[in-house]
Amino acid sequence: MSSPSPLKLYLVILRGLANSTGVSLKTSYVVAENSDDAYRKVRQWLDEKDYGFKHERELQSVELLASSYEYTDVRTRLFL
């Protein structure tokens, strides 16, 4: 039986959506297993809500901030 993957905290920054709802949707903090999943979560939510234009929902960057793994190389521990 394999152990579950450690969860990680990512900072996801999009190309647009700076202030479309009173809350900046350009920047999100996401808990996910990997960077692709982090962006996918944000993008899926924005697509469902139909916020902004599609080109504004495109990824600008993803940064790994912390990991729930005990001996993380990130140097910052994520507690869930």
N, C-alpha and C. Protein backbone atom coordinates (compact mmCIF):
# COMPACT_ATOMS: atom_id res chain seq x y z
N MET A 1 0.85 -1.17 0.00
CA MET A 1 0.00 0.00 0.00
C MET A 1 0.90 1.24 0.00
N SER A 2 0.67 2.13 -0.92
CA SER A 2 1.50 3.33 -1.02
C SER A 2 0.96 4.42 -0.09
N SER A 3 1.88 5.22 0.43
CA SER A 3 1.47 6.31 1.30
C SER A 3 0.98 7.48 0.45
N PRO A 4 0.08 8.28 0.98
CA PRO A 4 -0.45 9.41 0.20
C PRO A 4 0.66 10.43 -0.08
N SER A 5 0.55 11.10 -1.20
CA SER A 5 1.51 12.14 -1.56
C SER A 5 1.38 13.30 -0.59
N PRO A 6 2.52 13.90 -0.23
CA PRO A 6 2.41 15.08 0.64
C PRO A 6 1.73 16.22 -0.10
N LEU A 7 0.92 16.97 0.61
CA LEU A 7 0.28 18.13 0.00
C LEU A 7 1.23 19.31 0.07
N LYS A 8 1.05 20.21 -0.87
CA LYS A 8 1.93 21.36 -0.97
C LYS A 8 1.09 22.62 -1.11
N LEU A 9 1.67 23.73 -0.67
CA LEU A 9 1.02 25.03 -0.81
C LEU A 9 1.69 25.78 -1.95
N TYR A 10 0.88 26.20 -2.91
CA TYR A 10 1.38 26.91 -4.09
C TYR A 10 0.79 28.31 -4.15
N LEU A 11 1.57 29.22 -4.70
CA LEU A 11 1.10 30.55 -5.05
C LEU A 11 0.89 30.54 -6.57
N VAL A 12 -0.36 30.70 -6.99
CA VAL A 12 -0.71 30.68 -8.42
C VAL A 12 -1.02 32.11 -8.85
N ILE A 13 -0.32 32.59 -9.87
CA ILE A 13 -0.54 33.94 -10.38
C ILE A 13 -0.98 33.84 -11.83
N LEU A 14 -2.10 34.51 -12.12
CA LEU A 14 -2.67 34.51 -13.47
C LEU A 14 -2.27 35.78 -14.22
N ARG A 15 -2.55 35.81 -15.50
CA ARG A 15 -2.19 36.96 -16.34
C ARG A 15 -3.11 38.16 -16.10
N GLY A 16 -4.34 37.92 -15.70
CA GLY A 16 -5.30 39.02 -15.53
C GLY A 16 -6.13 38.85 -14.29
N LEU A 17 -7.34 39.39 -14.32
CA LEU A 17 -8.31 39.29 -13.22
C LEU A 17 -7.85 39.99 -11.96
N ALA A 18 -7.24 41.15 -12.10
CA ALA A 18 -6.69 41.85 -10.95
C ALA A 18 -7.73 42.23 -9.91
N ASN A 19 -8.90 42.67 -10.31
CA ASN A 19 -9.88 43.11 -9.33
C ASN A 19 -11.30 42.99 -9.85
N SER A 20 -11.63 41.92 -10.52
CA SER A 20 -12.92 41.83 -11.18
C SER A 20 -14.10 41.63 -10.24
N THR A 21 -13.87 41.17 -9.02
CA THR A 21 -14.98 40.92 -8.09
C THR A 21 -14.81 41.64 -6.77
N GLY A 22 -13.88 42.58 -6.69
CA GLY A 22 -13.57 43.21 -5.42
C GLY A 22 -12.48 42.46 -4.68
N VAL A 23 -12.23 41.23 -5.08
CA VAL A 23 -11.15 40.40 -4.55
C VAL A 23 -10.22 40.09 -5.71
N SER A 24 -8.93 40.23 -5.49
CA SER A 24 -7.99 39.94 -6.56
C SER A 24 -7.99 38.45 -6.87
N LEU A 25 -8.43 38.10 -8.06
CA LEU A 25 -8.41 36.70 -8.50
C LEU A 25 -7.13 36.39 -9.26
N LYS A 26 -6.28 37.39 -9.42
CA LYS A 26 -5.00 37.20 -10.11
C LYS A 26 -4.08 36.31 -9.29
N THR A 27 -4.16 36.39 -7.97
CA THR A 27 -3.28 35.65 -7.07
C THR A 27 -4.11 34.73 -6.18
N SER A 28 -3.73 33.46 -6.14
CA SER A 28 -4.42 32.48 -5.29
C SER A 28 -3.41 31.62 -4.56
N TYR A 29 -3.77 31.20 -3.36
CA TYR A 29 -2.98 30.21 -2.62
C TYR A 29 -3.75 28.91 -2.69
N VAL A 30 -3.07 27.84 -3.12
CA VAL A 30 -3.75 26.58 -3.40
C VAL A 30 -3.01 25.43 -2.75
N VAL A 31 -3.74 24.54 -2.07
CA VAL A 31 -3.18 23.30 -1.56
C VAL A 31 -3.45 22.22 -2.59
N ALA A 32 -2.38 21.59 -3.07
CA ALA A 32 -2.50 20.57 -4.10
C ALA A 32 -1.30 19.63 -4.02
N GLU A 33 -1.36 18.53 -4.78
CA GLU A 33 -0.25 17.58 -4.80
C GLU A 33 0.89 18.05 -5.69
N ASN A 34 0.57 18.83 -6.75
CA ASN A 34 1.61 19.31 -7.65
C ASN A 34 1.15 20.61 -8.30
N SER A 35 2.07 21.25 -9.02
CA SER A 35 1.79 22.56 -9.60
C SER A 35 0.70 22.52 -10.66
N ASP A 36 0.66 21.44 -11.44
CA ASP A 36 -0.40 21.31 -12.45
C ASP A 36 -1.77 21.26 -11.79
N ASP A 37 -1.89 20.49 -10.72
CA ASP A 37 -3.17 20.40 -10.01
C ASP A 37 -3.56 21.75 -9.39
N ALA A 38 -2.58 22.49 -8.91
CA ALA A 38 -2.85 23.80 -8.31
C ALA A 38 -3.48 24.73 -9.33
N TYR A 39 -2.86 24.84 -10.51
CA TYR A 39 -3.42 25.70 -11.55
C TYR A 39 -4.77 25.17 -12.03
N ARG A 40 -4.88 23.86 -12.16
CA ARG A 40 -6.13 23.25 -12.64
C ARG A 40 -7.29 23.60 -11.70
N LYS A 41 -7.05 23.59 -10.39
CA LYS A 41 -8.10 23.93 -9.42
C LYS A 41 -8.57 25.37 -9.62
N VAL A 42 -7.62 26.28 -9.76
CA VAL A 42 -7.97 27.69 -9.96
C VAL A 42 -8.71 27.87 -11.28
N ARG A 43 -8.16 27.31 -12.32
CA ARG A 43 -8.74 27.49 -13.66
C ARG A 43 -10.15 26.90 -13.73
N GLN A 44 -10.34 25.72 -13.16
CA GLN A 44 -11.66 25.09 -13.18
C GLN A 44 -12.69 25.96 -12.45
N TRP A 45 -12.31 26.50 -11.32
CA TRP A 45 -13.23 27.35 -10.56
C TRP A 45 -13.58 28.60 -11.35
N LEU A 46 -12.57 29.25 -11.94
CA LEU A 46 -12.82 30.45 -12.73
C LEU A 46 -13.68 30.16 -13.96
N ASP A 47 -13.43 29.03 -14.62
CA ASP A 47 -14.23 28.66 -15.79
C ASP A 47 -15.68 28.41 -15.41
N GLU A 48 -15.90 27.72 -14.25
CA GLU A 48 -17.26 27.46 -13.79
C GLU A 48 -18.00 28.76 -13.48
N LYS A 49 -17.30 29.72 -12.87
CA LYS A 49 -17.90 31.01 -12.52
C LYS A 49 -17.95 31.97 -13.71
N ASP A 50 -17.19 31.65 -14.75
CA ASP A 50 -17.09 32.48 -15.95
C ASP A 50 -16.60 33.89 -15.65
N TYR A 51 -15.60 33.98 -14.76
CA TYR A 51 -15.00 35.27 -14.42
C TYR A 51 -14.00 35.70 -15.49
N GLY A 52 -14.05 36.97 -15.86
CA GLY A 52 -13.09 37.55 -16.78
C GLY A 52 -13.11 36.91 -18.16
N PHE A 53 -12.11 37.27 -18.94
CA PHE A 53 -11.93 36.69 -20.26
C PHE A 53 -11.00 35.48 -20.16
N LYS A 54 -11.10 34.56 -21.11
CA LYS A 54 -10.29 33.34 -21.06
C LYS A 54 -8.79 33.65 -21.01
N HIS A 55 -8.36 34.68 -21.77
CA HIS A 55 -6.92 34.99 -21.77
C HIS A 55 -6.45 35.51 -20.41
N GLU A 56 -7.36 36.06 -19.61
CA GLU A 56 -7.00 36.54 -18.27
C GLU A 56 -6.84 35.39 -17.28
N ARG A 57 -7.38 34.24 -17.62
CA ARG A 57 -7.30 33.06 -16.74
C ARG A 57 -6.05 32.23 -17.00
N GLU A 58 -5.25 32.64 -17.96
CA GLU A 58 -4.03 31.89 -18.29
C GLU A 58 -3.00 32.05 -17.18
N LEU A 59 -2.19 31.03 -17.03
CA LEU A 59 -1.18 30.98 -15.99
C LEU A 59 -0.02 31.91 -16.30
N GLN A 60 0.37 32.69 -15.30
CA GLN A 60 1.60 33.48 -15.40
C GLN A 60 2.74 32.76 -14.67
N SER A 61 2.47 32.29 -13.43
CA SER A 61 3.50 31.56 -12.69
C SER A 61 2.89 30.75 -11.55
N VAL A 62 3.64 29.74 -11.12
CA VAL A 62 3.29 28.94 -9.95
C VAL A 62 4.55 28.83 -9.10
N GLU A 63 4.41 29.10 -7.81
CA GLU A 63 5.56 29.00 -6.91
C GLU A 63 5.21 28.08 -5.75
N LEU A 64 6.08 27.13 -5.47
CA LEU A 64 5.91 26.23 -4.33
C LEU A 64 6.35 26.95 -3.07
N LEU A 65 5.45 27.05 -2.08
CA LEU A 65 5.74 27.80 -0.86
C LEU A 65 6.02 26.91 0.34
N ALA A 66 5.33 25.76 0.43
CA ALA A 66 5.48 24.89 1.59
C ALA A 66 5.01 23.48 1.25
N SER A 67 5.45 22.51 2.06
CA SER A 67 5.07 21.11 1.84
C SER A 67 4.73 20.46 3.17
N SER A 68 3.77 19.53 3.14
CA SER A 68 3.40 18.81 4.35
C SER A 68 4.35 17.65 4.65
N TYR A 69 5.28 17.39 3.75
CA TYR A 69 6.27 16.33 3.96
C TYR A 69 7.20 16.75 5.10
N GLU A 70 7.49 15.83 6.00
CA GLU A 70 8.27 16.16 7.20
C GLU A 70 9.67 16.69 6.88
N TYR A 71 10.31 16.13 5.87
CA TYR A 71 11.68 16.53 5.54
C TYR A 71 11.70 17.24 4.18
N THR A 72 10.96 18.30 4.08
CA THR A 72 10.78 18.99 2.82
C THR A 72 12.01 19.79 2.38
N ASP A 73 12.27 19.77 1.10
CA ASP A 73 13.35 20.59 0.53
C ASP A 73 12.94 22.06 0.42
N VAL A 74 11.66 22.33 0.56
CA VAL A 74 11.15 23.69 0.42
C VAL A 74 11.58 24.56 1.60
N ARG A 75 11.90 23.91 2.71
CA ARG A 75 12.34 24.58 3.94
C ARG A 75 11.21 25.24 4.73
N THR A 76 9.98 25.04 4.26
CA THR A 76 8.82 25.55 5.00
C THR A 76 7.80 24.44 5.11
N ARG A 77 7.38 24.17 6.31
CA ARG A 77 6.46 23.06 6.58
C ARG A 77 5.02 23.56 6.51
N LEU A 78 4.17 22.79 5.83
CA LEU A 78 2.74 23.07 5.75
C LEU A 78 2.02 22.15 6.71
N PHE A 79 1.28 22.74 7.65
CA PHE A 79 0.47 21.96 8.58
C PHE A 79 -0.98 22.06 8.14
N LEU A 80 -1.63 20.92 8.05
CA LEU A 80 -3.04 20.87 7.62
C LEU A 80 -3.94 20.52 8.78
